[in-house]
Amino acid sequence: MASPSSQPPQGMAHVDSSEHFDYVSVKINDRLLSEYLADDSTEGCDTPNYSDFIPTRRVQSRPQVTVNVYNTGGSGSGTGGATTIHDERPTAKDEVIADLTSQLAALSRRVDELSLKQTSSPLVIDSGTWSTLKVRSWEHPQAHTAGRVSFSKKFKTSPNVRVSMSAADVSRSANFRVKVYATDIDAKGFTANANTWADTKMHSCEISWLAIGS
């Protein structure tokens, strides 16, 4: 009966034992390395038996990618080297920062565009006076007097109007109570108002006004 030929396990190449090469196998399940060293008894044999390889140690695998680089160009002799590739993918934080930076740049450009389109309109200023004597006589005091005032300047929209009392004639038999204000303001004018209350008798009142707009 012929004895089975002595062959190393599948995946193990034929090696000259005189060179004492180490065999390294990888176990996928636990990702450990098992190293086998050639036994001295295999010297003189063409092919070492699998039983002649004795496990010596187990080494934890460290997964990484190593790239060998060889210089094949140029006039000199080729040189080689190795480097490890590390994971440098952008993180979620980097993507958020890049997105916000892009949005800020777009917003700044939009603001600049709107600033160029915005043209400054010159201010329009108008002023004058109004008196209750324009709508009623001095001899007939009233608690409330109002009259329409027209602007001499042209406004595109309703201006900002401020009024103040510049003169008043009230009866000396009562306290001095006078209030002036503007209502119904539009681009063409406003209504001036002069009021009193309680026992005050206002014979006349003069109002100074100022309108500012565009």
N, C-alpha and C. Protein backbone atom coordinates (compact mmCIF):
# COMPACT_ATOMS: atom_id res chain seq x y z
N MET A 1 0.86 -1.19 0.00
CA MET A 1 0.00 0.00 0.00
C MET A 1 0.88 1.22 0.00
N ALA A 2 0.64 2.03 -0.99
CA ALA A 2 1.51 3.21 -1.12
C ALA A 2 1.15 4.22 -0.07
N SER A 3 2.18 4.75 0.52
CA SER A 3 1.96 5.78 1.55
C SER A 3 1.62 7.09 0.89
N PRO A 4 0.70 7.85 1.48
CA PRO A 4 0.33 9.14 0.89
C PRO A 4 1.50 10.08 0.89
N SER A 5 1.57 10.85 -0.17
CA SER A 5 2.68 11.81 -0.28
C SER A 5 2.55 12.87 0.79
N SER A 6 3.69 13.26 1.29
CA SER A 6 3.71 14.30 2.33
C SER A 6 3.63 15.66 1.67
N GLN A 7 2.54 16.35 1.83
CA GLN A 7 2.33 17.68 1.24
C GLN A 7 1.92 18.64 2.34
N PRO A 8 2.36 19.86 2.24
CA PRO A 8 1.91 20.88 3.21
C PRO A 8 0.45 21.17 3.01
N PRO A 9 -0.20 21.76 3.94
CA PRO A 9 -1.63 22.07 3.81
C PRO A 9 -1.89 22.93 2.60
N GLN A 10 -3.15 22.86 2.13
CA GLN A 10 -3.53 23.64 0.96
C GLN A 10 -3.30 25.12 1.22
N GLY A 11 -2.71 25.79 0.25
CA GLY A 11 -2.41 27.20 0.41
C GLY A 11 -0.99 27.44 0.84
N MET A 12 -0.22 26.38 1.18
CA MET A 12 1.16 26.54 1.60
C MET A 12 2.06 26.14 0.44
N ALA A 13 2.99 27.00 0.03
CA ALA A 13 3.84 26.78 -1.14
C ALA A 13 5.01 25.88 -0.79
N HIS A 14 5.62 25.28 -1.83
CA HIS A 14 6.81 24.47 -1.67
C HIS A 14 7.99 25.37 -1.37
N VAL A 15 8.74 25.00 -0.33
CA VAL A 15 9.85 25.83 0.12
C VAL A 15 11.07 24.96 0.33
N ASP A 16 12.21 25.46 -0.04
CA ASP A 16 13.48 24.79 0.22
C ASP A 16 13.80 24.96 1.69
N SER A 17 13.89 23.83 2.43
CA SER A 17 14.08 23.92 3.88
C SER A 17 15.44 24.46 4.26
N SER A 18 16.39 24.41 3.34
CA SER A 18 17.72 24.91 3.68
C SER A 18 17.73 26.41 3.89
N GLU A 19 16.69 27.09 3.36
CA GLU A 19 16.66 28.54 3.50
C GLU A 19 15.96 28.97 4.79
N HIS A 20 15.30 28.02 5.48
CA HIS A 20 14.67 28.28 6.78
C HIS A 20 13.70 29.45 6.71
N PHE A 21 12.80 29.43 5.73
CA PHE A 21 11.78 30.47 5.65
C PHE A 21 10.70 30.22 6.70
N ASP A 22 10.09 31.29 7.19
CA ASP A 22 8.95 31.18 8.11
C ASP A 22 7.66 31.17 7.31
N TYR A 23 6.72 30.35 7.75
CA TYR A 23 5.39 30.31 7.13
C TYR A 23 4.42 31.05 8.05
N VAL A 24 3.61 31.92 7.47
CA VAL A 24 2.63 32.69 8.23
C VAL A 24 1.25 32.43 7.65
N SER A 25 0.32 31.97 8.47
CA SER A 25 -1.05 31.74 8.02
C SER A 25 -1.99 32.66 8.79
N VAL A 26 -3.09 33.07 8.16
CA VAL A 26 -4.04 34.01 8.76
C VAL A 26 -5.35 33.28 9.04
N LYS A 27 -5.84 33.34 10.27
CA LYS A 27 -7.13 32.78 10.63
C LYS A 27 -8.17 33.89 10.56
N ILE A 28 -9.15 33.74 9.69
CA ILE A 28 -10.11 34.82 9.45
C ILE A 28 -11.07 34.98 10.61
N ASN A 29 -11.38 33.86 11.31
CA ASN A 29 -12.40 33.94 12.35
C ASN A 29 -12.00 34.89 13.46
N ASP A 30 -10.81 34.72 14.00
CA ASP A 30 -10.38 35.57 15.10
C ASP A 30 -9.29 36.55 14.70
N ARG A 31 -8.93 36.58 13.41
CA ARG A 31 -7.94 37.51 12.87
C ARG A 31 -6.63 37.44 13.66
N LEU A 32 -6.20 36.20 13.94
CA LEU A 32 -4.93 35.99 14.61
C LEU A 32 -3.96 35.37 13.63
N LEU A 33 -2.70 35.60 13.85
CA LEU A 33 -1.64 35.02 13.04
C LEU A 33 -1.00 33.88 13.80
N SER A 34 -0.81 32.74 13.12
CA SER A 34 -0.08 31.62 13.71
C SER A 34 1.20 31.43 12.92
N GLU A 35 2.33 31.44 13.58
CA GLU A 35 3.61 31.32 12.93
C GLU A 35 4.14 29.89 13.13
N TYR A 36 4.63 29.33 12.05
CA TYR A 36 5.23 28.00 12.10
C TYR A 36 6.67 28.11 11.64
N LEU A 37 7.55 27.46 12.38
CA LEU A 37 8.96 27.46 12.04
C LEU A 37 9.37 26.07 11.58
N ALA A 38 10.23 26.00 10.58
CA ALA A 38 10.68 24.70 10.05
C ALA A 38 11.51 23.97 11.11
N ASP A 39 11.20 22.66 11.29
CA ASP A 39 11.94 21.86 12.25
C ASP A 39 13.26 21.42 11.64
N ASP A 40 14.31 21.27 12.48
CA ASP A 40 15.63 20.87 11.98
C ASP A 40 15.61 19.49 11.34
N SER A 41 14.61 18.65 11.72
CA SER A 41 14.58 17.28 11.20
C SER A 41 14.23 17.23 9.73
N THR A 42 13.78 18.36 9.16
CA THR A 42 13.40 18.36 7.75
C THR A 42 14.58 18.58 6.84
N GLU A 43 15.76 18.80 7.40
CA GLU A 43 16.91 19.02 6.55
C GLU A 43 17.20 17.77 5.74
N GLY A 44 17.49 17.95 4.48
CA GLY A 44 17.77 16.85 3.58
C GLY A 44 16.56 16.30 2.89
N CYS A 45 15.35 16.71 3.27
CA CYS A 45 14.12 16.26 2.63
C CYS A 45 13.71 17.25 1.56
N ASP A 46 13.16 16.69 0.50
CA ASP A 46 12.71 17.58 -0.58
C ASP A 46 11.51 18.41 -0.14
N THR A 47 10.55 17.78 0.52
CA THR A 47 9.33 18.48 0.93
C THR A 47 9.09 18.23 2.40
N PRO A 48 9.00 19.24 3.22
CA PRO A 48 8.75 19.03 4.66
C PRO A 48 7.33 18.57 4.90
N ASN A 49 7.18 17.68 5.90
CA ASN A 49 5.85 17.22 6.28
C ASN A 49 5.13 18.30 7.09
N TYR A 50 3.79 18.26 6.99
CA TYR A 50 3.00 19.25 7.74
C TYR A 50 3.19 19.09 9.24
N SER A 51 3.44 17.80 9.67
CA SER A 51 3.62 17.56 11.10
C SER A 51 4.93 18.12 11.61
N ASP A 52 5.86 18.44 10.68
CA ASP A 52 7.15 18.98 11.11
C ASP A 52 7.04 20.46 11.49
N PHE A 53 5.90 21.09 11.20
CA PHE A 53 5.75 22.51 11.52
C PHE A 53 5.05 22.64 12.85
N ILE A 54 5.72 23.26 13.78
CA ILE A 54 5.22 23.35 15.16
C ILE A 54 4.80 24.79 15.45
N PRO A 55 3.56 25.05 15.87
CA PRO A 55 3.15 26.43 16.19
C PRO A 55 3.93 26.96 17.38
N THR A 56 4.45 28.14 17.26
CA THR A 56 5.28 28.72 18.31
C THR A 56 4.57 29.82 19.07
N ARG A 57 3.72 30.64 18.38
CA ARG A 57 3.04 31.72 19.09
C ARG A 57 1.87 32.22 18.26
N ARG A 58 0.97 32.96 18.91
CA ARG A 58 -0.16 33.59 18.23
C ARG A 58 -0.04 35.10 18.43
N VAL A 59 -0.21 35.82 17.34
CA VAL A 59 -0.01 37.27 17.38
C VAL A 59 -1.31 37.95 16.96
N GLN A 60 -1.72 38.95 17.73
CA GLN A 60 -2.94 39.71 17.40
C GLN A 60 -2.71 40.52 16.13
N SER A 61 -3.67 40.41 15.19
CA SER A 61 -3.56 41.14 13.93
C SER A 61 -3.90 42.61 14.14
N ARG A 62 -3.17 43.48 13.47
CA ARG A 62 -3.45 44.92 13.49
C ARG A 62 -3.83 45.35 12.09
N PRO A 63 -5.12 45.43 11.77
CA PRO A 63 -5.52 45.73 10.39
C PRO A 63 -5.09 47.13 9.98
N GLN A 64 -4.40 47.22 8.89
CA GLN A 64 -4.02 48.49 8.30
C GLN A 64 -3.66 48.23 6.84
N VAL A 65 -3.54 49.27 6.09
CA VAL A 65 -3.21 49.15 4.68
C VAL A 65 -1.81 49.68 4.47
N THR A 66 -0.95 48.85 3.92
CA THR A 66 0.42 49.25 3.65
C THR A 66 0.66 49.23 2.15
N VAL A 67 1.22 50.29 1.63
CA VAL A 67 1.48 50.42 0.20
C VAL A 67 2.98 50.49 -0.02
N ASN A 68 3.51 49.58 -0.86
CA ASN A 68 4.91 49.63 -1.24
C ASN A 68 5.07 50.49 -2.48
N VAL A 69 5.98 51.42 -2.44
CA VAL A 69 6.21 52.33 -3.55
C VAL A 69 7.61 52.08 -4.10
N TYR A 70 7.68 51.81 -5.41
CA TYR A 70 8.96 51.55 -6.06
C TYR A 70 9.21 52.59 -7.12
N ASN A 71 10.42 53.11 -7.14
CA ASN A 71 10.80 54.10 -8.13
C ASN A 71 11.36 53.37 -9.34
N THR A 72 10.60 53.39 -10.46
CA THR A 72 11.04 52.71 -11.67
C THR A 72 11.50 53.66 -12.75
N GLY A 73 11.41 54.93 -12.52
CA GLY A 73 11.82 55.90 -13.53
C GLY A 73 13.14 56.56 -13.16
N GLY A 74 13.66 57.38 -14.08
CA GLY A 74 14.91 58.08 -13.83
C GLY A 74 16.11 57.26 -14.21
N SER A 75 17.26 57.88 -14.08
CA SER A 75 18.50 57.22 -14.50
C SER A 75 19.13 56.38 -13.42
N GLY A 76 18.77 56.62 -12.15
CA GLY A 76 19.38 55.87 -11.06
C GLY A 76 18.69 54.55 -10.84
N SER A 77 19.19 53.80 -9.89
CA SER A 77 18.60 52.51 -9.55
C SER A 77 17.31 52.74 -8.79
N GLY A 78 16.38 51.77 -8.92
CA GLY A 78 15.09 51.91 -8.27
C GLY A 78 15.20 51.80 -6.77
N THR A 79 14.41 52.59 -6.08
CA THR A 79 14.37 52.53 -4.63
C THR A 79 12.95 52.26 -4.21
N GLY A 80 12.79 51.71 -3.07
CA GLY A 80 11.45 51.36 -2.61
C GLY A 80 11.20 51.88 -1.22
N GLY A 81 9.96 51.83 -0.82
CA GLY A 81 9.58 52.26 0.51
C GLY A 81 8.17 51.81 0.79
N ALA A 82 7.70 52.03 2.00
CA ALA A 82 6.36 51.62 2.39
C ALA A 82 5.74 52.69 3.25
N THR A 83 4.44 52.84 3.16
CA THR A 83 3.72 53.81 3.98
C THR A 83 2.36 53.23 4.34
N THR A 84 1.78 53.71 5.42
CA THR A 84 0.47 53.26 5.88
C THR A 84 -0.56 54.33 5.59
N ILE A 85 -1.67 53.92 4.99
CA ILE A 85 -2.73 54.86 4.64
C ILE A 85 -3.68 54.98 5.82
N HIS A 86 -3.91 56.20 6.28
CA HIS A 86 -4.82 56.45 7.39
C HIS A 86 -6.13 57.01 6.87
N ASP A 87 -7.19 56.81 7.63
CA ASP A 87 -8.52 57.29 7.24
C ASP A 87 -8.63 58.77 7.53
N GLU A 88 -8.75 59.60 6.48
CA GLU A 88 -8.86 61.05 6.63
C GLU A 88 -10.14 61.56 5.99
N ARG A 89 -11.23 60.80 6.08
CA ARG A 89 -12.49 61.24 5.51
C ARG A 89 -13.06 62.41 6.31
N PRO A 90 -13.76 63.37 5.64
CA PRO A 90 -14.33 64.50 6.37
C PRO A 90 -15.41 64.05 7.34
N THR A 91 -15.43 64.67 8.51
CA THR A 91 -16.42 64.33 9.52
C THR A 91 -17.70 65.14 9.28
N ALA A 92 -18.76 64.77 10.02
CA ALA A 92 -20.04 65.49 9.89
C ALA A 92 -19.90 66.94 10.32
N LYS A 93 -19.03 67.20 11.31
CA LYS A 93 -18.81 68.58 11.77
C LYS A 93 -18.19 69.41 10.67
N ASP A 94 -17.22 68.83 9.94
CA ASP A 94 -16.59 69.56 8.84
C ASP A 94 -17.60 69.89 7.76
N GLU A 95 -18.52 68.96 7.47
CA GLU A 95 -19.52 69.20 6.44
C GLU A 95 -20.48 70.31 6.85
N VAL A 96 -20.86 70.36 8.14
CA VAL A 96 -21.75 71.42 8.61
C VAL A 96 -21.08 72.78 8.52
N ILE A 97 -19.80 72.85 8.92
CA ILE A 97 -19.06 74.11 8.85
C ILE A 97 -18.94 74.58 7.41
N ALA A 98 -18.66 73.67 6.49
CA ALA A 98 -18.54 74.04 5.08
C ALA A 98 -19.87 74.54 4.54
N ASP A 99 -20.98 73.91 4.95
CA ASP A 99 -22.30 74.33 4.48
C ASP A 99 -22.67 75.71 5.01
N LEU A 100 -22.39 75.98 6.29
CA LEU A 100 -22.68 77.29 6.87
C LEU A 100 -21.83 78.37 6.24
N THR A 101 -20.56 78.05 5.95
CA THR A 101 -19.68 79.02 5.30
C THR A 101 -20.20 79.39 3.92
N SER A 102 -20.69 78.39 3.19
CA SER A 102 -21.25 78.65 1.86
C SER A 102 -22.50 79.52 1.94
N GLN A 103 -23.38 79.23 2.91
CA GLN A 103 -24.59 80.03 3.07
C GLN A 103 -24.27 81.47 3.45
N LEU A 104 -23.27 81.66 4.33
CA LEU A 104 -22.89 83.00 4.74
C LEU A 104 -22.32 83.80 3.57
N ALA A 105 -21.53 83.14 2.73
CA ALA A 105 -20.98 83.82 1.56
C ALA A 105 -22.08 84.23 0.60
N ALA A 106 -23.08 83.36 0.40
CA ALA A 106 -24.20 83.69 -0.49
C ALA A 106 -25.03 84.84 0.08
N LEU A 107 -25.23 84.86 1.40
CA LEU A 107 -25.98 85.94 2.02
C LEU A 107 -25.25 87.26 1.91
N SER A 108 -23.93 87.25 2.07
CA SER A 108 -23.14 88.47 1.95
C SER A 108 -23.22 89.03 0.54
N ARG A 109 -23.17 88.13 -0.46
CA ARG A 109 -23.29 88.59 -1.84
C ARG A 109 -24.66 89.21 -2.09
N ARG A 110 -25.71 88.61 -1.53
CA ARG A 110 -27.05 89.15 -1.72
C ARG A 110 -27.20 90.53 -1.08
N VAL A 111 -26.63 90.70 0.11
CA VAL A 111 -26.68 92.00 0.78
C VAL A 111 -25.96 93.06 -0.04
N ASP A 112 -24.81 92.70 -0.61
CA ASP A 112 -24.07 93.64 -1.45
C ASP A 112 -24.89 94.04 -2.68
N GLU A 113 -25.58 93.07 -3.28
CA GLU A 113 -26.40 93.37 -4.46
C GLU A 113 -27.54 94.32 -4.11
N LEU A 114 -28.20 94.08 -2.98
CA LEU A 114 -29.30 94.95 -2.57
C LEU A 114 -28.81 96.34 -2.20
N SER A 115 -27.61 96.42 -1.62
CA SER A 115 -27.06 97.73 -1.26
C SER A 115 -26.78 98.57 -2.50
N LEU A 116 -26.33 97.92 -3.57
CA LEU A 116 -26.06 98.65 -4.81
C LEU A 116 -27.36 99.14 -5.45
N LYS A 117 -28.44 98.35 -5.31
CA LYS A 117 -29.71 98.75 -5.91
C LYS A 117 -30.39 99.87 -5.13
N GLN A 118 -30.12 99.94 -3.82
CA GLN A 118 -30.76 100.93 -2.98
C GLN A 118 -30.18 102.31 -3.25
N THR A 119 -31.01 103.22 -3.70
CA THR A 119 -30.57 104.60 -3.96
C THR A 119 -31.13 105.50 -2.87
N SER A 120 -30.28 106.31 -2.32
CA SER A 120 -30.70 107.20 -1.24
C SER A 120 -31.50 108.37 -1.79
N SER A 121 -32.71 108.58 -1.25
CA SER A 121 -33.55 109.70 -1.67
C SER A 121 -33.25 110.91 -0.80
N PRO A 122 -33.17 112.09 -1.39
CA PRO A 122 -32.90 113.30 -0.59
C PRO A 122 -34.09 113.63 0.31
N LEU A 123 -33.79 114.18 1.47
CA LEU A 123 -34.85 114.56 2.40
C LEU A 123 -35.59 115.79 1.89
N VAL A 124 -36.89 115.80 2.14
CA VAL A 124 -37.73 116.96 1.84
C VAL A 124 -38.22 117.53 3.17
N ILE A 125 -37.96 118.81 3.39
CA ILE A 125 -38.32 119.46 4.66
C ILE A 125 -39.24 120.65 4.37
N ASP A 126 -40.33 120.70 5.08
CA ASP A 126 -41.27 121.80 4.94
C ASP A 126 -41.67 122.26 6.34
N SER A 127 -41.99 123.52 6.49
CA SER A 127 -42.37 124.07 7.80
C SER A 127 -43.30 125.26 7.62
N GLY A 128 -43.93 125.66 8.72
CA GLY A 128 -44.84 126.81 8.66
C GLY A 128 -45.59 127.00 9.96
N THR A 129 -46.60 127.86 9.94
CA THR A 129 -47.44 128.13 11.11
C THR A 129 -48.91 128.07 10.70
N TRP A 130 -49.72 127.82 11.71
CA TRP A 130 -51.18 127.83 11.50
C TRP A 130 -51.82 128.43 12.73
N SER A 131 -52.89 129.21 12.54
CA SER A 131 -53.58 129.88 13.64
C SER A 131 -55.07 129.57 13.60
N THR A 132 -55.66 129.52 14.79
CA THR A 132 -57.11 129.31 14.89
C THR A 132 -57.88 130.47 14.27
N LEU A 133 -57.25 131.63 14.14
CA LEU A 133 -57.92 132.79 13.57
C LEU A 133 -58.22 132.59 12.09
N LYS A 134 -57.62 131.55 11.47
CA LYS A 134 -57.90 131.26 10.06
C LYS A 134 -59.26 130.60 9.88
N VAL A 135 -59.80 130.02 10.96
CA VAL A 135 -61.07 129.28 10.83
C VAL A 135 -62.18 129.86 11.73
N ARG A 136 -61.81 130.73 12.68
CA ARG A 136 -62.84 131.35 13.53
C ARG A 136 -62.30 132.70 14.06
N SER A 137 -63.21 133.51 14.60
CA SER A 137 -62.83 134.85 15.09
C SER A 137 -62.36 134.79 16.54
N TRP A 138 -61.67 135.85 16.97
CA TRP A 138 -61.14 135.94 18.33
C TRP A 138 -62.27 136.06 19.34
N GLU A 139 -63.38 136.71 18.96
CA GLU A 139 -64.46 136.98 19.90
C GLU A 139 -65.24 135.72 20.32
N HIS A 140 -65.05 134.64 19.65
CA HIS A 140 -65.83 133.43 19.96
C HIS A 140 -64.88 132.28 20.35
N PRO A 141 -64.40 132.24 21.61
CA PRO A 141 -63.52 131.15 22.06
C PRO A 141 -64.23 129.81 22.00
N GLN A 142 -63.45 128.77 21.69
CA GLN A 142 -63.99 127.41 21.59
C GLN A 142 -63.03 126.44 22.28
N ALA A 143 -63.57 125.33 22.75
CA ALA A 143 -62.74 124.30 23.41
C ALA A 143 -61.93 123.50 22.40
N HIS A 144 -62.48 123.38 21.21
CA HIS A 144 -61.75 122.62 20.18
C HIS A 144 -61.81 123.38 18.86
N THR A 145 -60.62 123.56 18.23
CA THR A 145 -60.52 124.22 16.94
C THR A 145 -59.58 123.41 16.06
N ALA A 146 -59.97 123.19 14.80
CA ALA A 146 -59.15 122.40 13.86
C ALA A 146 -59.20 123.04 12.49
N GLY A 147 -58.13 122.86 11.73
CA GLY A 147 -58.08 123.39 10.37
C GLY A 147 -57.06 122.62 9.54
N ARG A 148 -57.28 122.60 8.23
CA ARG A 148 -56.40 121.85 7.33
C ARG A 148 -55.21 122.71 6.93
N VAL A 149 -54.01 122.05 6.93
CA VAL A 149 -52.76 122.69 6.53
C VAL A 149 -52.23 121.97 5.30
N SER A 150 -51.88 122.71 4.25
CA SER A 150 -51.33 122.12 3.02
C SER A 150 -49.83 122.37 2.95
N PHE A 151 -49.08 121.33 2.53
CA PHE A 151 -47.63 121.47 2.39
C PHE A 151 -47.31 122.30 1.15
N SER A 152 -46.23 123.07 1.25
CA SER A 152 -45.73 123.80 0.08
C SER A 152 -44.71 122.99 -0.70
N LYS A 153 -44.18 121.93 -0.08
CA LYS A 153 -43.24 121.02 -0.75
C LYS A 153 -43.97 119.74 -1.14
N LYS A 154 -43.42 119.04 -2.12
CA LYS A 154 -44.04 117.81 -2.61
C LYS A 154 -43.37 116.60 -1.95
N PHE A 155 -44.18 115.78 -1.31
CA PHE A 155 -43.70 114.55 -0.67
C PHE A 155 -44.22 113.34 -1.44
N LYS A 156 -43.39 112.29 -1.54
CA LYS A 156 -43.81 111.05 -2.18
C LYS A 156 -44.73 110.24 -1.28
N THR A 157 -44.45 110.28 0.01
CA THR A 157 -45.26 109.56 1.00
C THR A 157 -45.56 110.51 2.15
N SER A 158 -46.34 110.03 3.09
CA SER A 158 -46.69 110.86 4.26
C SER A 158 -45.44 111.17 5.07
N PRO A 159 -45.14 112.45 5.30
CA PRO A 159 -43.95 112.81 6.07
C PRO A 159 -44.19 112.69 7.57
N ASN A 160 -43.13 112.87 8.32
CA ASN A 160 -43.21 112.91 9.77
C ASN A 160 -43.46 114.36 10.18
N VAL A 161 -44.56 114.61 10.89
CA VAL A 161 -44.97 115.97 11.24
C VAL A 161 -44.89 116.18 12.75
N ARG A 162 -44.26 117.26 13.15
CA ARG A 162 -44.17 117.67 14.55
C ARG A 162 -44.76 119.07 14.69
N VAL A 163 -45.56 119.26 15.74
CA VAL A 163 -46.19 120.57 15.97
C VAL A 163 -45.87 121.05 17.38
N SER A 164 -45.91 122.35 17.57
CA SER A 164 -45.71 122.97 18.88
C SER A 164 -46.53 124.26 18.96
N MET A 165 -46.83 124.68 20.17
CA MET A 165 -47.59 125.91 20.36
C MET A 165 -46.62 127.09 20.41
N SER A 166 -46.83 128.06 19.54
CA SER A 166 -45.97 129.24 19.49
C SER A 166 -46.63 130.49 20.09
N ALA A 167 -47.97 130.50 20.18
CA ALA A 167 -48.68 131.64 20.79
C ALA A 167 -50.07 131.20 21.19
N ALA A 168 -50.60 131.82 22.25
CA ALA A 168 -51.96 131.50 22.71
C ALA A 168 -52.55 132.71 23.46
N ASP A 169 -53.86 132.90 23.30
CA ASP A 169 -54.58 133.97 24.00
C ASP A 169 -55.76 133.33 24.72
N VAL A 170 -55.64 133.27 26.07
CA VAL A 170 -56.68 132.64 26.89
C VAL A 170 -57.18 133.65 27.92
N SER A 171 -58.37 133.38 28.44
CA SER A 171 -58.96 134.27 29.44
C SER A 171 -58.20 134.17 30.74
N ARG A 172 -58.01 135.33 31.39
CA ARG A 172 -57.28 135.36 32.65
C ARG A 172 -58.11 134.87 33.82
N SER A 173 -59.36 134.65 33.63
CA SER A 173 -60.25 134.20 34.71
C SER A 173 -60.17 132.70 34.97
N ALA A 174 -59.36 131.99 34.19
CA ALA A 174 -59.26 130.53 34.35
C ALA A 174 -57.81 130.10 34.16
N ASN A 175 -57.55 128.83 34.46
CA ASN A 175 -56.20 128.29 34.29
C ASN A 175 -55.87 128.15 32.81
N PHE A 176 -54.56 128.09 32.55
CA PHE A 176 -54.07 127.97 31.16
C PHE A 176 -53.97 126.48 30.82
N ARG A 177 -54.85 126.02 29.95
CA ARG A 177 -54.86 124.61 29.53
C ARG A 177 -55.01 124.58 28.01
N VAL A 178 -53.93 124.21 27.30
CA VAL A 178 -53.95 124.17 25.83
C VAL A 178 -53.17 122.94 25.36
N LYS A 179 -53.74 122.25 24.40
CA LYS A 179 -53.07 121.09 23.79
C LYS A 179 -53.14 121.23 22.28
N VAL A 180 -51.97 121.04 21.59
CA VAL A 180 -51.93 121.10 20.13
C VAL A 180 -51.38 119.78 19.60
N TYR A 181 -51.88 119.32 18.43
CA TYR A 181 -51.43 118.06 17.83
C TYR A 181 -51.88 118.01 16.38
N ALA A 182 -51.33 117.05 15.62
CA ALA A 182 -51.62 116.90 14.19
C ALA A 182 -52.32 115.56 13.95
N THR A 183 -53.29 115.55 13.04
CA THR A 183 -54.00 114.33 12.65
C THR A 183 -54.16 114.30 11.13
N ASP A 184 -54.59 113.15 10.62
CA ASP A 184 -54.89 112.97 9.18
C ASP A 184 -53.72 113.41 8.29
N ILE A 185 -52.53 112.90 8.60
CA ILE A 185 -51.33 113.28 7.84
C ILE A 185 -51.26 112.46 6.55
N ASP A 186 -51.02 113.13 5.43
CA ASP A 186 -50.78 112.45 4.16
C ASP A 186 -49.71 113.22 3.39
N ALA A 187 -49.49 112.87 2.12
CA ALA A 187 -48.42 113.50 1.34
C ALA A 187 -48.73 114.95 0.98
N LYS A 188 -49.98 115.37 1.13
CA LYS A 188 -50.37 116.74 0.75
C LYS A 188 -50.51 117.68 1.93
N GLY A 189 -50.77 117.16 3.13
CA GLY A 189 -50.93 118.04 4.28
C GLY A 189 -51.39 117.29 5.51
N PHE A 190 -51.93 118.04 6.48
CA PHE A 190 -52.40 117.45 7.74
C PHE A 190 -53.45 118.37 8.35
N THR A 191 -54.09 117.89 9.41
CA THR A 191 -55.07 118.68 10.15
C THR A 191 -54.46 119.13 11.47
N ALA A 192 -54.45 120.46 11.69
CA ALA A 192 -53.94 121.04 12.94
C ALA A 192 -55.07 121.14 13.95
N ASN A 193 -54.75 120.79 15.21
CA ASN A 193 -55.76 120.79 16.27
C ASN A 193 -55.25 121.59 17.47
N ALA A 194 -56.14 122.41 18.06
CA ALA A 194 -55.85 123.16 19.28
C ALA A 194 -57.03 122.97 20.23
N ASN A 195 -56.78 122.37 21.41
CA ASN A 195 -57.85 122.03 22.35
C ASN A 195 -57.61 122.65 23.72
N THR A 196 -58.70 122.89 24.44
CA THR A 196 -58.67 123.27 25.86
C THR A 196 -59.69 122.40 26.58
N TRP A 197 -59.71 122.46 27.90
CA TRP A 197 -60.69 121.70 28.69
C TRP A 197 -60.96 122.45 30.00
N ALA A 198 -61.89 121.91 30.75
CA ALA A 198 -62.35 122.52 32.02
C ALA A 198 -62.91 123.93 31.73
N ASP A 199 -62.54 124.92 32.56
CA ASP A 199 -63.12 126.26 32.41
C ASP A 199 -62.25 127.20 31.59
N THR A 200 -61.19 126.69 30.95
CA THR A 200 -60.29 127.53 30.15
C THR A 200 -61.02 128.02 28.91
N LYS A 201 -60.83 129.33 28.60
CA LYS A 201 -61.42 129.94 27.41
C LYS A 201 -60.28 130.37 26.49
N MET A 202 -60.14 129.69 25.35
CA MET A 202 -59.06 129.99 24.39
C MET A 202 -59.63 130.86 23.26
N HIS A 203 -59.13 132.09 23.20
CA HIS A 203 -59.57 133.01 22.16
C HIS A 203 -58.84 132.72 20.85
N SER A 204 -57.53 132.40 20.95
CA SER A 204 -56.76 132.08 19.74
C SER A 204 -55.53 131.27 20.12
N CYS A 205 -55.00 130.56 19.13
CA CYS A 205 -53.78 129.77 19.34
C CYS A 205 -53.04 129.66 18.01
N GLU A 206 -51.74 129.80 18.09
CA GLU A 206 -50.91 129.66 16.88
C GLU A 206 -50.01 128.44 17.03
N ILE A 207 -49.92 127.66 15.96
CA ILE A 207 -49.14 126.40 15.96
C ILE A 207 -47.99 126.53 14.96
N SER A 208 -46.80 126.11 15.37
CA SER A 208 -45.65 125.97 14.47
C SER A 208 -45.51 124.49 14.13
N TRP A 209 -45.24 124.18 12.88
CA TRP A 209 -45.14 122.78 12.46
C TRP A 209 -43.91 122.55 11.59
N LEU A 210 -43.45 121.30 11.59
CA LEU A 210 -42.28 120.89 10.80
C LEU A 210 -42.58 119.52 10.21
N ALA A 211 -42.41 119.40 8.89
CA ALA A 211 -42.65 118.12 8.19
C ALA A 211 -41.36 117.67 7.53
N ILE A 212 -40.97 116.39 7.76
CA ILE A 212 -39.74 115.83 7.19
C ILE A 212 -40.09 114.51 6.51
N GLY A 213 -39.73 114.39 5.25
CA GLY A 213 -40.01 113.16 4.51
C GLY A 213 -39.19 113.09 3.25
N SER A 214 -39.66 112.34 2.27
CA SER A 214 -38.94 112.19 1.01
C SER A 214 -39.89 112.36 -0.16
